[in-house]
Amino acid sequence: MGTEEDLAAIKAGVDELRNADKDALSRTFKVIGNLSNIAGLLSGPGALIQLVSIVDQLFGGVDATAKELQDIEGLLKVTFRFEQSEAEHTKMQLVNSTVSDIRSSLQAILQESLPYSEASLDTLQTTTLSKLNAFDHDDQDSYWTRAYFDELVYSDHWFGRVMPDGIVSSRSGQQYVFDYRLTLPGYLKSIAVRSAAISILIATGFIQKQPVLEEIRARTDAIARSGLAQAEGFYDRILAGLIMSRTPRLSEIAYIDEGVIGSGVPNYLSVFEPAFVLTPRPMGAILSYDGVGIVDSYPNEYPNLAPSPFGVTPNPKGPLLDVPPYPAEYLRFAARYALGSRKRAKQLYAKIGLDQAWATIQVLRIQAGIIPQFPDPMQNSSVREIYSDLGTADAEIINVPPGSPPPNVSLWDVVRRLAEIGNVDNSHLLFVSMRAALDAATP
């Protein structure tokens, strides 16, 4: 199969990639959670035997995650092609073998009888630590980088070309870009195996607890930036690639007659809804690194019959429409559109399994003695986010910086505005919750 066919297979296998990623991340979270839960429960003379038995149950049998990682690697294989002289740019093709080596070192000691020899414990410590360090130490970027192809970039009439950040060019002209789809589940799985190895190494007295805590803290910072870390974590970088569709300006939704002059047959089109597009009035979010997302059509609900929505006369100088004060109908549309885009960004976040990655990070923070972050800010809409989305719809908060609560606006004001946007019956307003109001206002 040629490069074009391989790239087409990646695009056709988007759902398969997503499902494999999510399943692998979910399994890893459960394993790390189980290890964390049992660590403080085992005590007494038989504690080591109990621990080894539990670790053997988690890692000694069939490795379901390995199949998922192999599926991901199979689909992404074309992106591992590069000139051998440029091997320093990407080592993503080594992810699965690195994960396998880490797991094999743990399985090897599980097959031995207690008490374990010093040599076996040293091999377990050295292999699991050194192999895992490849993901987040000296040459870490190469494990998170693949060859870049224009064909994998998302593009449509509204988003344009959603380019990933950080594209680098080699001496030969080949470009490389960050990609998480294989490395993130492989990395977190390796952390799970290392966590099991640490449990055995501490229980046998081969290593001390304090250096392990420092290792876990450093690892946690590598995944997601905390108050102590200056560098951007891998999880943070993935989130930075989550691009929401921008809210159309009034001039962009104004319909103009594009029909043949003199024909007497009007053909009203807008920048937001041109002719011959697969998804008219697009609303949603795209992940720039893999070019996939959740994009739906905004409901055909605003007065969009000719000549224009909201009673605004079409103007050849369209941008002149983008001067306040705006029609109330447009402000309602702008708020609903922003809320709808954010909703789909959060759906995409969960669909690719980043919620499981976030949960894993919190378990690691607890292990390292760092205060975890609950709840997951990407799982639900915060009041700050709602303020921001209402910023284009409510004159009271239109000039407030993003993420800042507006002055003199209460939580009740937000619920009231959401209820208005969602056409909630005023007689029921006192009994409407924030969640119900948000659901009513969000398309």
Foldseek 3Di string as FASTA:
>chain_A
DDLVVLLVLLVVCVLLLLVLLQVLLQLLLVLLVVLLVCLPVADDPCRLVVLLVVVCVSQVDDDPNLVSLVVNCVSCVSQADDDPVVLLQADLVCLSVLLVQLSVLSNVQSPDDPPDDPVSLVSNVVSLVVSLCCCQDDSNNRNQKTWDDQSQWAADLQVHTLAAPDWDADPVGTIMDGHPSNNVSSSSSSVSSVSSSVSNCVVSVVDDLPVVLVVLVVVLCQQQNDPVDDDGHVLNSQLVQKAWGAQDAQLQQFWAFPDDPPPPDTDTAGSQAHPDGPAGQWGAIARRNRNDFDIHHDDPPFPQDPPTTPPDGRDPPSCVQRDDPHRLSSLLVQLQRLLQHLVRSLVRCVSSNVLSVLSSSQSSCVSSVHHGDPDDCSNDPDPLSSLQSSLSNDPQRVPPPRSDDGPPADPLNSLVVLCVSLVPPPVCSVVDDSVNSSVSSHD
